[in-house]
Amino acid sequence: MIVTFDLFSAMTNSRSGGSNTFDKLAMTHGWDHKGVLLYDCWDAHNKANQRTATPPTTFHDLSFMALKQTYIDLGLSASTVDADMTTLEESVVEWPLWPDITNAVHKIAEYARVGILSNVDNRLAQRTQAFRLIHPELALTSQRLGAYKPNPVIYHAAIAAVAPEKLVHVAASARDVRGALEAGITVVRLVRQGHTIDTEGPRPHLEVEDAMELVELLADMQ
């Protein structure tokens, strides 16, 4: 069995990590805006870009466009966008994992192979703290699979990439839960602060409040 996690919602507390980076940028540039506002605006633009993007447009490209639009929206100078994008990408190594992830993944890895299914470039995935917890060959990124969530292509490509093994996906965000379910993937929703499910979409097969709850649950599936 292959168990994939969403990288930036189920495994990584990206809002916390990203907001801290934006706080530092705001201090450097003398902005009045809080890091969490900058992150939320950037993240919203990034996700909107992903809805219609296809490779060879990279995750870096989408993030850069989102950052530039964020600065425009908030009335900030766009002259530092290039340097700030570099800072943001380099900071990913510091973005924290959710505290329940490391022990849970180690336990799950005793009976299943663990990977990620994520809208990122390969290089960015390799910078994250989560990457050291997974099998590198199971880094199922948009760059590798040729599509971005919530495009169903990425989910069908993930199924093909691990065939004939069974794929179970641990998702937190509404678009990821719905996209994986609609592609026929078994989904366990890991409840995370700030994430809900799509009330108009299919319901996840199972739902847990803590990653350690996944250990026995996934073992039973195995």
N, C-alpha and C. Protein backbone atom coordinates (compact mmCIF):
# COMPACT_ATOMS: atom_id res chain seq x y z
N MET A 1 0.84 -1.19 0.00
CA MET A 1 0.00 0.00 0.00
C MET A 1 0.88 1.25 0.00
N ILE A 2 0.48 2.24 -0.78
CA ILE A 2 1.15 3.54 -0.82
C ILE A 2 0.25 4.54 -0.11
N VAL A 3 0.80 5.29 0.82
CA VAL A 3 0.08 6.34 1.51
C VAL A 3 0.73 7.67 1.16
N THR A 4 -0.02 8.55 0.50
CA THR A 4 0.49 9.88 0.19
C THR A 4 -0.19 10.92 1.08
N PHE A 5 0.56 11.96 1.40
CA PHE A 5 0.05 13.08 2.18
C PHE A 5 0.10 14.33 1.33
N ASP A 6 -0.84 15.23 1.55
CA ASP A 6 -0.69 16.56 0.98
C ASP A 6 0.41 17.27 1.76
N LEU A 7 1.34 17.87 1.03
CA LEU A 7 2.55 18.42 1.63
C LEU A 7 2.29 19.66 2.48
N PHE A 8 1.53 20.63 1.92
CA PHE A 8 1.44 21.93 2.55
C PHE A 8 0.16 22.18 3.34
N SER A 9 -0.62 21.13 3.60
CA SER A 9 -1.73 21.30 4.53
C SER A 9 -1.76 20.16 5.54
N ALA A 10 -1.65 18.93 5.08
CA ALA A 10 -1.70 17.79 5.99
C ALA A 10 -0.40 17.60 6.77
N MET A 11 0.75 17.82 6.12
CA MET A 11 2.04 17.57 6.78
C MET A 11 2.67 18.84 7.35
N THR A 12 2.63 19.92 6.59
CA THR A 12 3.33 21.15 6.96
C THR A 12 2.34 22.23 7.38
N ASN A 13 2.66 22.92 8.46
CA ASN A 13 1.85 24.06 8.86
C ASN A 13 2.34 25.26 8.06
N SER A 14 1.93 25.29 6.80
CA SER A 14 2.46 26.28 5.86
C SER A 14 2.03 27.70 6.22
N ARG A 15 0.85 27.86 6.79
CA ARG A 15 0.40 29.21 7.14
C ARG A 15 1.27 29.80 8.24
N SER A 16 1.64 28.98 9.19
CA SER A 16 2.52 29.45 10.26
C SER A 16 3.91 29.78 9.72
N GLY A 17 4.48 28.83 8.95
CA GLY A 17 5.82 29.04 8.41
C GLY A 17 5.88 30.20 7.44
N GLY A 18 4.90 30.26 6.54
CA GLY A 18 4.89 31.32 5.55
C GLY A 18 4.65 32.69 6.17
N SER A 19 3.78 32.75 7.17
CA SER A 19 3.50 34.02 7.83
C SER A 19 4.73 34.55 8.55
N ASN A 20 5.50 33.66 9.15
CA ASN A 20 6.74 34.08 9.81
C ASN A 20 7.70 34.69 8.80
N THR A 21 7.80 34.09 7.63
CA THR A 21 8.69 34.63 6.60
C THR A 21 8.21 36.00 6.14
N PHE A 22 6.91 36.13 5.93
CA PHE A 22 6.38 37.42 5.51
C PHE A 22 6.53 38.48 6.61
N ASP A 23 6.47 38.07 7.87
CA ASP A 23 6.72 39.02 8.96
C ASP A 23 8.15 39.59 8.85
N LYS A 24 9.10 38.73 8.53
CA LYS A 24 10.48 39.17 8.38
C LYS A 24 10.64 40.10 7.18
N LEU A 25 9.95 39.76 6.09
CA LEU A 25 10.00 40.63 4.91
C LEU A 25 9.38 42.00 5.22
N ALA A 26 8.28 42.00 5.94
CA ALA A 26 7.62 43.25 6.30
C ALA A 26 8.53 44.11 7.17
N MET A 27 9.23 43.48 8.09
CA MET A 27 10.15 44.22 8.95
C MET A 27 11.31 44.80 8.12
N THR A 28 11.83 43.99 7.20
CA THR A 28 12.94 44.42 6.36
C THR A 28 12.55 45.63 5.50
N HIS A 29 11.34 45.58 4.94
CA HIS A 29 10.90 46.63 4.01
C HIS A 29 10.17 47.78 4.70
N GLY A 30 9.90 47.64 5.99
CA GLY A 30 9.20 48.69 6.69
C GLY A 30 7.72 48.74 6.40
N TRP A 31 7.10 47.59 6.08
CA TRP A 31 5.67 47.55 5.81
C TRP A 31 4.88 47.48 7.10
N ASP A 32 3.67 47.99 7.07
CA ASP A 32 2.78 47.91 8.23
C ASP A 32 1.98 46.61 8.27
N HIS A 33 1.91 45.91 7.16
CA HIS A 33 1.08 44.71 7.07
C HIS A 33 1.67 43.55 7.87
N LYS A 34 0.80 42.80 8.51
CA LYS A 34 1.21 41.60 9.24
C LYS A 34 1.50 40.47 8.26
N GLY A 35 2.40 39.57 8.69
CA GLY A 35 2.79 38.45 7.85
C GLY A 35 1.62 37.56 7.48
N VAL A 36 0.69 37.36 8.40
CA VAL A 36 -0.43 36.46 8.12
C VAL A 36 -1.33 37.03 7.02
N LEU A 37 -1.48 38.35 6.97
CA LEU A 37 -2.26 38.96 5.89
C LEU A 37 -1.55 38.78 4.55
N LEU A 38 -0.26 39.01 4.53
CA LEU A 38 0.52 38.83 3.30
C LEU A 38 0.46 37.39 2.83
N TYR A 39 0.62 36.45 3.77
CA TYR A 39 0.57 35.03 3.40
C TYR A 39 -0.80 34.65 2.86
N ASP A 40 -1.85 35.06 3.54
CA ASP A 40 -3.20 34.67 3.11
C ASP A 40 -3.52 35.21 1.72
N CYS A 41 -3.10 36.44 1.45
CA CYS A 41 -3.35 37.03 0.13
C CYS A 41 -2.54 36.29 -0.94
N TRP A 42 -1.28 36.03 -0.65
CA TRP A 42 -0.42 35.30 -1.59
C TRP A 42 -0.95 33.88 -1.82
N ASP A 43 -1.34 33.22 -0.77
CA ASP A 43 -1.84 31.84 -0.88
C ASP A 43 -3.11 31.78 -1.70
N ALA A 44 -4.00 32.75 -1.50
CA ALA A 44 -5.25 32.77 -2.27
C ALA A 44 -4.98 32.96 -3.75
N HIS A 45 -4.07 33.87 -4.10
CA HIS A 45 -3.73 34.07 -5.50
C HIS A 45 -3.04 32.83 -6.07
N ASN A 46 -2.20 32.21 -5.28
CA ASN A 46 -1.48 31.01 -5.73
C ASN A 46 -2.46 29.90 -6.07
N LYS A 47 -3.41 29.66 -5.19
CA LYS A 47 -4.40 28.60 -5.42
C LYS A 47 -5.29 28.93 -6.63
N ALA A 48 -5.62 30.20 -6.78
CA ALA A 48 -6.42 30.60 -7.95
C ALA A 48 -5.64 30.34 -9.24
N ASN A 49 -4.35 30.63 -9.23
CA ASN A 49 -3.52 30.36 -10.40
C ASN A 49 -3.46 28.87 -10.73
N GLN A 50 -3.40 28.05 -9.69
CA GLN A 50 -3.27 26.60 -9.87
C GLN A 50 -4.52 25.99 -10.51
N ARG A 51 -5.65 26.63 -10.35
CA ARG A 51 -6.90 26.06 -10.88
C ARG A 51 -6.89 25.97 -12.41
N THR A 52 -6.14 26.84 -13.05
CA THR A 52 -6.14 26.84 -14.52
C THR A 52 -4.77 26.56 -15.12
N ALA A 53 -3.76 26.39 -14.30
CA ALA A 53 -2.38 26.23 -14.80
C ALA A 53 -2.11 24.81 -15.27
N THR A 54 -1.21 24.72 -16.23
CA THR A 54 -0.69 23.43 -16.68
C THR A 54 0.80 23.57 -16.92
N PRO A 55 1.58 22.50 -16.64
CA PRO A 55 2.99 22.52 -17.00
C PRO A 55 3.12 22.73 -18.50
N PRO A 56 4.18 23.39 -19.01
CA PRO A 56 5.43 23.64 -18.30
C PRO A 56 5.44 24.84 -17.38
N THR A 57 4.31 25.51 -17.15
CA THR A 57 4.29 26.55 -16.12
C THR A 57 4.64 25.90 -14.79
N THR A 58 5.64 26.42 -14.10
CA THR A 58 6.13 25.81 -12.87
C THR A 58 5.41 26.36 -11.65
N PHE A 59 5.56 25.67 -10.55
CA PHE A 59 5.03 26.17 -9.28
C PHE A 59 5.71 27.49 -8.92
N HIS A 60 6.99 27.59 -9.22
CA HIS A 60 7.71 28.85 -9.01
C HIS A 60 7.05 29.98 -9.79
N ASP A 61 6.71 29.72 -11.04
CA ASP A 61 6.06 30.74 -11.87
C ASP A 61 4.74 31.20 -11.24
N LEU A 62 3.94 30.23 -10.80
CA LEU A 62 2.64 30.54 -10.21
C LEU A 62 2.81 31.34 -8.92
N SER A 63 3.77 30.93 -8.11
CA SER A 63 4.01 31.62 -6.84
C SER A 63 4.51 33.03 -7.06
N PHE A 64 5.35 33.21 -8.06
CA PHE A 64 5.87 34.54 -8.39
C PHE A 64 4.74 35.46 -8.84
N MET A 65 3.87 34.96 -9.73
CA MET A 65 2.74 35.76 -10.19
C MET A 65 1.83 36.12 -9.02
N ALA A 66 1.63 35.17 -8.10
CA ALA A 66 0.79 35.40 -6.93
C ALA A 66 1.40 36.45 -6.02
N LEU A 67 2.71 36.42 -5.86
CA LEU A 67 3.38 37.39 -5.00
C LEU A 67 3.29 38.79 -5.60
N LYS A 68 3.50 38.88 -6.89
CA LYS A 68 3.41 40.18 -7.56
C LYS A 68 2.00 40.76 -7.43
N GLN A 69 0.99 39.93 -7.60
CA GLN A 69 -0.39 40.40 -7.47
C GLN A 69 -0.70 40.80 -6.03
N THR A 70 -0.14 40.09 -5.07
CA THR A 70 -0.33 40.43 -3.66
C THR A 70 0.20 41.83 -3.38
N TYR A 71 1.38 42.13 -3.90
CA TYR A 71 1.97 43.45 -3.68
C TYR A 71 1.11 44.54 -4.34
N ILE A 72 0.58 44.24 -5.51
CA ILE A 72 -0.30 45.19 -6.18
C ILE A 72 -1.56 45.42 -5.35
N ASP A 73 -2.16 44.34 -4.87
CA ASP A 73 -3.39 44.44 -4.08
C ASP A 73 -3.20 45.28 -2.83
N LEU A 74 -2.03 45.14 -2.20
CA LEU A 74 -1.79 45.79 -0.92
C LEU A 74 -1.05 47.11 -1.06
N GLY A 75 -0.84 47.55 -2.30
CA GLY A 75 -0.20 48.83 -2.54
C GLY A 75 1.27 48.86 -2.18
N LEU A 76 1.95 47.73 -2.34
CA LEU A 76 3.38 47.64 -2.02
C LEU A 76 4.21 47.70 -3.29
N SER A 77 5.43 48.15 -3.16
CA SER A 77 6.32 48.23 -4.31
C SER A 77 6.66 46.83 -4.81
N ALA A 78 6.57 46.63 -6.12
CA ALA A 78 6.88 45.33 -6.72
C ALA A 78 8.35 45.21 -7.08
N SER A 79 9.16 46.21 -6.71
CA SER A 79 10.57 46.19 -7.10
C SER A 79 11.38 45.10 -6.40
N THR A 80 10.84 44.57 -5.30
CA THR A 80 11.57 43.54 -4.54
C THR A 80 11.00 42.14 -4.76
N VAL A 81 10.07 42.00 -5.69
CA VAL A 81 9.40 40.71 -5.86
C VAL A 81 10.38 39.57 -6.14
N ASP A 82 11.33 39.80 -7.02
CA ASP A 82 12.29 38.73 -7.36
C ASP A 82 13.06 38.27 -6.12
N ALA A 83 13.63 39.21 -5.39
CA ALA A 83 14.41 38.86 -4.21
C ALA A 83 13.53 38.25 -3.12
N ASP A 84 12.32 38.78 -2.96
CA ASP A 84 11.42 38.26 -1.93
C ASP A 84 10.94 36.85 -2.27
N MET A 85 10.77 36.57 -3.57
CA MET A 85 10.37 35.21 -3.96
C MET A 85 11.48 34.22 -3.60
N THR A 86 12.70 34.61 -3.82
CA THR A 86 13.84 33.76 -3.45
C THR A 86 13.85 33.51 -1.94
N THR A 87 13.66 34.57 -1.18
CA THR A 87 13.62 34.44 0.28
C THR A 87 12.51 33.50 0.72
N LEU A 88 11.35 33.66 0.11
CA LEU A 88 10.20 32.83 0.48
C LEU A 88 10.46 31.36 0.18
N GLU A 89 11.00 31.07 -0.98
CA GLU A 89 11.27 29.67 -1.35
C GLU A 89 12.37 29.08 -0.47
N GLU A 90 13.38 29.85 -0.17
CA GLU A 90 14.46 29.34 0.66
C GLU A 90 14.01 29.10 2.10
N SER A 91 12.98 29.84 2.53
CA SER A 91 12.51 29.71 3.91
C SER A 91 11.71 28.44 4.15
N VAL A 92 11.32 27.76 3.08
CA VAL A 92 10.46 26.57 3.21
C VAL A 92 11.11 25.52 4.11
N VAL A 93 12.42 25.47 4.12
CA VAL A 93 13.12 24.51 4.97
C VAL A 93 12.81 24.74 6.45
N GLU A 94 12.38 25.95 6.80
CA GLU A 94 12.08 26.29 8.19
C GLU A 94 10.60 26.13 8.52
N TRP A 95 9.76 25.93 7.52
CA TRP A 95 8.33 25.82 7.80
C TRP A 95 8.07 24.55 8.60
N PRO A 96 7.37 24.66 9.73
CA PRO A 96 7.28 23.50 10.64
C PRO A 96 6.28 22.45 10.18
N LEU A 97 6.61 21.23 10.49
CA LEU A 97 5.63 20.16 10.35
C LEU A 97 4.60 20.30 11.47
N TRP A 98 3.38 19.85 11.21
CA TRP A 98 2.43 19.75 12.30
C TRP A 98 3.01 18.79 13.34
N PRO A 99 2.83 19.07 14.63
CA PRO A 99 3.52 18.29 15.67
C PRO A 99 3.19 16.80 15.72
N ASP A 100 2.07 16.40 15.13
CA ASP A 100 1.69 14.98 15.17
C ASP A 100 2.23 14.18 13.98
N ILE A 101 2.93 14.84 13.05
CA ILE A 101 3.28 14.18 11.80
C ILE A 101 4.47 13.22 11.90
N THR A 102 5.55 13.64 12.48
CA THR A 102 6.78 12.85 12.42
C THR A 102 6.59 11.45 13.01
N ASN A 103 6.08 11.35 14.22
CA ASN A 103 5.89 10.04 14.84
C ASN A 103 4.89 9.20 14.07
N ALA A 104 3.83 9.83 13.59
CA ALA A 104 2.81 9.09 12.85
C ALA A 104 3.37 8.51 11.56
N VAL A 105 4.13 9.30 10.83
CA VAL A 105 4.68 8.81 9.56
C VAL A 105 5.67 7.68 9.81
N HIS A 106 6.49 7.80 10.85
CA HIS A 106 7.42 6.71 11.17
C HIS A 106 6.67 5.41 11.45
N LYS A 107 5.55 5.50 12.15
CA LYS A 107 4.76 4.31 12.46
C LYS A 107 4.10 3.74 11.20
N ILE A 108 3.55 4.61 10.37
CA ILE A 108 2.91 4.16 9.14
C ILE A 108 3.93 3.50 8.21
N ALA A 109 5.15 4.01 8.22
CA ALA A 109 6.21 3.49 7.35
C ALA A 109 6.63 2.07 7.73
N GLU A 110 6.18 1.58 8.86
CA GLU A 110 6.48 0.21 9.26
C GLU A 110 5.71 -0.81 8.42
N TYR A 111 4.60 -0.39 7.82
CA TYR A 111 3.81 -1.34 7.03
C TYR A 111 3.39 -0.79 5.67
N ALA A 112 3.68 0.47 5.37
CA ALA A 112 3.31 1.05 4.08
C ALA A 112 4.41 1.99 3.62
N ARG A 113 4.46 2.23 2.32
CA ARG A 113 5.40 3.22 1.80
C ARG A 113 4.72 4.58 1.76
N VAL A 114 5.43 5.59 2.22
CA VAL A 114 4.84 6.92 2.39
C VAL A 114 5.42 7.90 1.38
N GLY A 115 4.54 8.69 0.77
CA GLY A 115 4.97 9.70 -0.17
C GLY A 115 4.15 10.97 0.00
N ILE A 116 4.30 11.88 -0.95
CA ILE A 116 3.49 13.10 -0.98
C ILE A 116 2.82 13.22 -2.34
N LEU A 117 1.69 13.90 -2.36
CA LEU A 117 1.00 14.26 -3.60
C LEU A 117 0.72 15.74 -3.50
N SER A 118 1.49 16.54 -4.27
CA SER A 118 1.51 17.98 -3.99
C SER A 118 1.70 18.82 -5.24
N ASN A 119 1.16 20.04 -5.18
CA ASN A 119 1.28 21.02 -6.26
C ASN A 119 2.60 21.79 -6.15
N VAL A 120 3.72 21.13 -6.21
CA VAL A 120 5.00 21.82 -6.10
C VAL A 120 5.96 21.34 -7.18
N ASP A 121 7.06 22.08 -7.31
CA ASP A 121 8.18 21.63 -8.14
C ASP A 121 9.01 20.65 -7.33
N ASN A 122 9.74 19.79 -8.02
CA ASN A 122 10.55 18.79 -7.33
C ASN A 122 11.54 19.41 -6.35
N ARG A 123 12.21 20.46 -6.80
CA ARG A 123 13.25 21.07 -5.96
C ARG A 123 12.67 21.65 -4.68
N LEU A 124 11.51 22.27 -4.77
CA LEU A 124 10.90 22.84 -3.59
C LEU A 124 10.49 21.74 -2.61
N ALA A 125 9.96 20.65 -3.12
CA ALA A 125 9.58 19.52 -2.26
C ALA A 125 10.79 19.02 -1.48
N GLN A 126 11.94 18.97 -2.13
CA GLN A 126 13.15 18.47 -1.50
C GLN A 126 13.66 19.37 -0.38
N ARG A 127 13.24 20.63 -0.39
CA ARG A 127 13.67 21.56 0.66
C ARG A 127 12.87 21.40 1.95
N THR A 128 11.71 20.79 1.89
CA THR A 128 10.81 20.76 3.03
C THR A 128 11.27 19.75 4.08
N GLN A 129 10.82 19.98 5.30
CA GLN A 129 11.11 19.03 6.39
C GLN A 129 10.42 17.70 6.16
N ALA A 130 9.29 17.73 5.46
CA ALA A 130 8.54 16.49 5.21
C ALA A 130 9.30 15.54 4.29
N PHE A 131 10.14 16.07 3.43
CA PHE A 131 10.79 15.23 2.42
C PHE A 131 11.65 14.14 3.06
N ARG A 132 12.23 14.43 4.21
CA ARG A 132 13.09 13.41 4.85
C ARG A 132 12.28 12.26 5.44
N LEU A 133 10.96 12.41 5.50
CA LEU A 133 10.10 11.37 6.08
C LEU A 133 9.56 10.40 5.04
N ILE A 134 9.73 10.71 3.76
CA ILE A 134 9.07 9.92 2.71
C ILE A 134 10.09 9.19 1.86
N HIS A 135 9.58 8.28 1.02
CA HIS A 135 10.41 7.66 0.00
C HIS A 135 10.58 8.67 -1.14
N PRO A 136 11.80 9.05 -1.47
CA PRO A 136 12.01 10.08 -2.50
C PRO A 136 11.33 9.76 -3.83
N GLU A 137 11.26 8.47 -4.16
CA GLU A 137 10.63 8.10 -5.43
C GLU A 137 9.11 8.27 -5.39
N LEU A 138 8.58 8.52 -4.20
CA LEU A 138 7.15 8.73 -4.06
C LEU A 138 6.81 10.21 -3.82
N ALA A 139 7.70 11.08 -4.26
CA ALA A 139 7.40 12.51 -4.27
C ALA A 139 6.61 12.80 -5.54
N LEU A 140 5.31 12.69 -5.44
CA LEU A 140 4.42 12.85 -6.60
C LEU A 140 4.04 14.33 -6.70
N THR A 141 4.84 15.06 -7.45
CA THR A 141 4.68 16.50 -7.58
C THR A 141 3.97 16.86 -8.88
N SER A 142 3.51 18.10 -8.94
CA SER A 142 2.92 18.58 -10.18
C SER A 142 3.92 18.56 -11.33
N GLN A 143 5.15 18.89 -11.02
CA GLN A 143 6.18 18.87 -12.05
C GLN A 143 6.34 17.46 -12.62
N ARG A 144 6.27 16.47 -11.78
CA ARG A 144 6.43 15.08 -12.22
C ARG A 144 5.18 14.55 -12.93
N LEU A 145 4.01 14.90 -12.41
CA LEU A 145 2.76 14.31 -12.91
C LEU A 145 2.10 15.12 -14.02
N GLY A 146 2.56 16.34 -14.23
CA GLY A 146 2.09 17.11 -15.37
C GLY A 146 0.74 17.78 -15.20
N ALA A 147 0.36 18.08 -13.97
CA ALA A 147 -0.92 18.76 -13.73
C ALA A 147 -0.92 19.33 -12.32
N TYR A 148 -1.87 20.22 -12.07
CA TYR A 148 -2.04 20.83 -10.76
C TYR A 148 -3.40 20.49 -10.18
N LYS A 149 -3.45 20.27 -8.88
CA LYS A 149 -4.73 20.15 -8.21
C LYS A 149 -5.49 21.46 -8.41
N PRO A 150 -6.78 21.40 -8.61
CA PRO A 150 -7.66 20.24 -8.50
C PRO A 150 -7.94 19.52 -9.83
N ASN A 151 -7.11 19.73 -10.84
CA ASN A 151 -7.29 19.04 -12.12
C ASN A 151 -7.27 17.53 -11.89
N PRO A 152 -8.28 16.81 -12.35
CA PRO A 152 -8.31 15.36 -12.13
C PRO A 152 -7.12 14.63 -12.74
N VAL A 153 -6.45 15.26 -13.71
CA VAL A 153 -5.29 14.62 -14.34
C VAL A 153 -4.23 14.24 -13.32
N ILE A 154 -4.01 15.11 -12.32
CA ILE A 154 -2.94 14.84 -11.36
C ILE A 154 -3.26 13.60 -10.52
N TYR A 155 -4.53 13.41 -10.19
CA TYR A 155 -4.92 12.27 -9.36
C TYR A 155 -4.85 10.97 -10.15
N HIS A 156 -5.28 11.00 -11.39
CA HIS A 156 -5.19 9.79 -12.21
C HIS A 156 -3.73 9.45 -12.51
N ALA A 157 -2.89 10.47 -12.67
CA ALA A 157 -1.47 10.23 -12.88
C ALA A 157 -0.82 9.63 -11.64
N ALA A 158 -1.28 10.04 -10.47
CA ALA A 158 -0.76 9.48 -9.22
C ALA A 158 -1.12 8.01 -9.09
N ILE A 159 -2.36 7.68 -9.44
CA ILE A 159 -2.78 6.27 -9.42
C ILE A 159 -1.90 5.44 -10.34
N ALA A 160 -1.65 5.96 -11.54
CA ALA A 160 -0.83 5.23 -12.51
C ALA A 160 0.62 5.11 -12.03
N ALA A 161 1.10 6.14 -11.33
CA ALA A 161 2.50 6.14 -10.89
C ALA A 161 2.79 5.07 -9.86
N VAL A 162 1.79 4.68 -9.06
CA VAL A 162 2.03 3.69 -8.01
C VAL A 162 1.44 2.33 -8.34
N ALA A 163 0.75 2.21 -9.47
CA ALA A 163 0.14 0.93 -9.86
C ALA A 163 1.20 -0.16 -9.92
N PRO A 164 0.83 -1.38 -9.53
CA PRO A 164 -0.51 -1.86 -9.16
C PRO A 164 -0.82 -1.75 -7.67
N GLU A 165 0.02 -1.02 -6.91
CA GLU A 165 -0.23 -0.91 -5.48
C GLU A 165 -1.43 -0.01 -5.21
N LYS A 166 -2.08 -0.26 -4.08
CA LYS A 166 -3.24 0.54 -3.66
C LYS A 166 -2.76 1.89 -3.17
N LEU A 167 -3.46 2.95 -3.57
CA LEU A 167 -3.13 4.30 -3.15
C LEU A 167 -4.18 4.81 -2.17
N VAL A 168 -3.70 5.29 -1.02
CA VAL A 168 -4.54 5.97 -0.05
C VAL A 168 -3.96 7.36 0.14
N HIS A 169 -4.80 8.39 0.03
CA HIS A 169 -4.33 9.76 0.14
C HIS A 169 -4.86 10.42 1.41
N VAL A 170 -3.95 11.05 2.15
CA VAL A 170 -4.32 11.79 3.36
C VAL A 170 -4.35 13.27 3.00
N ALA A 171 -5.53 13.84 3.01
CA ALA A 171 -5.72 15.22 2.57
C ALA A 171 -6.36 16.03 3.68
N ALA A 172 -6.18 17.35 3.58
CA ALA A 172 -6.79 18.24 4.57
C ALA A 172 -7.68 19.30 3.92
N SER A 173 -7.26 19.81 2.76
CA SER A 173 -7.98 20.92 2.13
C SER A 173 -9.19 20.41 1.35
N ALA A 174 -10.16 21.30 1.18
CA ALA A 174 -11.41 20.94 0.50
C ALA A 174 -11.15 20.49 -0.93
N ARG A 175 -10.31 21.24 -1.66
CA ARG A 175 -10.11 20.90 -3.07
C ARG A 175 -9.38 19.57 -3.22
N ASP A 176 -8.49 19.24 -2.27
CA ASP A 176 -7.73 18.00 -2.36
C ASP A 176 -8.60 16.80 -2.01
N VAL A 177 -9.40 16.95 -0.96
CA VAL A 177 -10.33 15.88 -0.60
C VAL A 177 -11.26 15.58 -1.76
N ARG A 178 -11.86 16.62 -2.31
CA ARG A 178 -12.82 16.42 -3.39
C ARG A 178 -12.15 15.86 -4.64
N GLY A 179 -11.01 16.42 -5.01
CA GLY A 179 -10.33 15.98 -6.22
C GLY A 179 -9.92 14.52 -6.17
N ALA A 180 -9.36 14.10 -5.03
CA ALA A 180 -8.93 12.71 -4.90
C ALA A 180 -10.11 11.76 -4.89
N LEU A 181 -11.17 12.14 -4.19
CA LEU A 181 -12.37 11.28 -4.14
C LEU A 181 -12.99 11.12 -5.52
N GLU A 182 -13.07 12.22 -6.25
CA GLU A 182 -13.69 12.15 -7.58
C GLU A 182 -12.86 11.34 -8.56
N ALA A 183 -11.56 11.16 -8.25
CA ALA A 183 -10.71 10.32 -9.09
C ALA A 183 -10.75 8.85 -8.66
N GLY A 184 -11.51 8.56 -7.60
CA GLY A 184 -11.64 7.19 -7.15
C GLY A 184 -10.59 6.74 -6.16
N ILE A 185 -9.85 7.68 -5.58
CA ILE A 185 -8.81 7.36 -4.60
C ILE A 185 -9.44 7.25 -3.22
N THR A 186 -9.01 6.28 -2.43
CA THR A 186 -9.43 6.21 -1.04
C THR A 186 -8.80 7.37 -0.28
N VAL A 187 -9.62 8.14 0.40
CA VAL A 187 -9.16 9.36 1.07
C VAL A 187 -9.45 9.30 2.56
N VAL A 188 -8.45 9.67 3.34
CA VAL A 188 -8.65 9.93 4.76
C VAL A 188 -8.41 11.41 4.97
N ARG A 189 -9.41 12.09 5.49
CA ARG A 189 -9.25 13.53 5.76
C ARG A 189 -8.62 13.73 7.13
N LEU A 190 -7.51 14.45 7.16
CA LEU A 190 -6.85 14.82 8.40
C LEU A 190 -7.27 16.26 8.71
N VAL A 191 -8.03 16.43 9.76
CA VAL A 191 -8.58 17.75 10.08
C VAL A 191 -7.46 18.68 10.50
N ARG A 192 -7.36 19.81 9.84
CA ARG A 192 -6.37 20.83 10.17
C ARG A 192 -7.05 22.18 10.30
N GLN A 193 -6.53 22.99 11.21
CA GLN A 193 -7.07 24.33 11.43
C GLN A 193 -7.05 25.13 10.13
N GLY A 194 -8.18 25.77 9.83
CA GLY A 194 -8.26 26.60 8.64
C GLY A 194 -8.71 25.87 7.40
N HIS A 195 -8.90 24.56 7.49
CA HIS A 195 -9.32 23.78 6.33
C HIS A 195 -10.67 23.12 6.60
N THR A 196 -11.51 23.12 5.58
CA THR A 196 -12.82 22.49 5.69
C THR A 196 -12.98 21.52 4.52
N ILE A 197 -14.17 20.99 4.35
CA ILE A 197 -14.45 20.16 3.19
C ILE A 197 -15.44 20.89 2.30
N ASP A 198 -15.50 20.47 1.06
CA ASP A 198 -16.43 21.04 0.10
C ASP A 198 -17.81 20.44 0.34
N THR A 199 -18.74 21.26 0.82
CA THR A 199 -20.06 20.73 1.18
C THR A 199 -20.85 20.24 -0.02
N GLU A 200 -20.46 20.67 -1.22
CA GLU A 200 -21.15 20.23 -2.42
C GLU A 200 -20.49 19.01 -3.05
N GLY A 201 -19.36 18.59 -2.51
CA GLY A 201 -18.62 17.47 -3.08
C GLY A 201 -18.84 16.19 -2.29
N PRO A 202 -18.17 15.11 -2.70
CA PRO A 202 -18.29 13.83 -2.01
C PRO A 202 -17.65 13.89 -0.63
N ARG A 203 -18.12 13.06 0.26
CA ARG A 203 -17.59 13.02 1.63
C ARG A 203 -16.40 12.08 1.70
N PRO A 204 -15.38 12.44 2.49
CA PRO A 204 -14.23 11.54 2.63
C PRO A 204 -14.63 10.22 3.26
N HIS A 205 -13.90 9.18 2.89
CA HIS A 205 -14.22 7.86 3.43
C HIS A 205 -14.07 7.83 4.95
N LEU A 206 -13.02 8.46 5.44
CA LEU A 206 -12.73 8.48 6.87
C LEU A 206 -12.16 9.84 7.24
N GLU A 207 -12.26 10.18 8.51
CA GLU A 207 -11.78 11.48 8.98
C GLU A 207 -11.17 11.30 10.36
N VAL A 208 -10.00 11.92 10.58
CA VAL A 208 -9.34 11.84 11.88
C VAL A 208 -8.92 13.23 12.33
N GLU A 209 -8.77 13.40 13.62
CA GLU A 209 -8.40 14.69 14.20
C GLU A 209 -6.90 14.80 14.44
N ASP A 210 -6.23 13.68 14.46
CA ASP A 210 -4.80 13.65 14.79
C ASP A 210 -4.12 12.61 13.91
N ALA A 211 -2.91 12.93 13.44
CA ALA A 211 -2.22 12.00 12.53
C ALA A 211 -1.94 10.65 13.18
N MET A 212 -1.78 10.60 14.49
CA MET A 212 -1.53 9.32 15.15
C MET A 212 -2.73 8.38 15.03
N GLU A 213 -3.90 8.95 14.82
CA GLU A 213 -5.09 8.12 14.61
C GLU A 213 -5.00 7.36 13.28
N LEU A 214 -4.16 7.86 12.38
CA LEU A 214 -4.01 7.20 11.08
C LEU A 214 -3.29 5.86 11.19
N VAL A 215 -2.45 5.73 12.20
CA VAL A 215 -1.56 4.57 12.28
C VAL A 215 -2.35 3.27 12.27
N GLU A 216 -3.26 3.12 13.20
CA GLU A 216 -4.04 1.88 13.29
C GLU A 216 -5.06 1.80 12.15
N LEU A 217 -5.63 2.95 11.80
CA LEU A 217 -6.65 2.98 10.75
C LEU A 217 -6.08 2.48 9.42
N LEU A 218 -4.92 3.00 9.04
CA LEU A 218 -4.30 2.58 7.79
C LEU A 218 -3.77 1.15 7.86
N ALA A 219 -3.34 0.74 9.04
CA ALA A 219 -2.90 -0.65 9.22
C ALA A 219 -4.05 -1.61 8.97
N ASP A 220 -5.24 -1.25 9.40
CA ASP A 220 -6.41 -2.08 9.15
C ASP A 220 -6.72 -2.15 7.67
N MET A 221 -6.52 -1.05 6.94
CA MET A 221 -6.71 -1.07 5.48
C MET A 221 -5.71 -2.01 4.83
N GLN A 222 -4.49 -1.99 5.34
CA GLN A 222 -3.45 -2.83 4.78
C GLN A 222 -3.78 -4.30 4.92
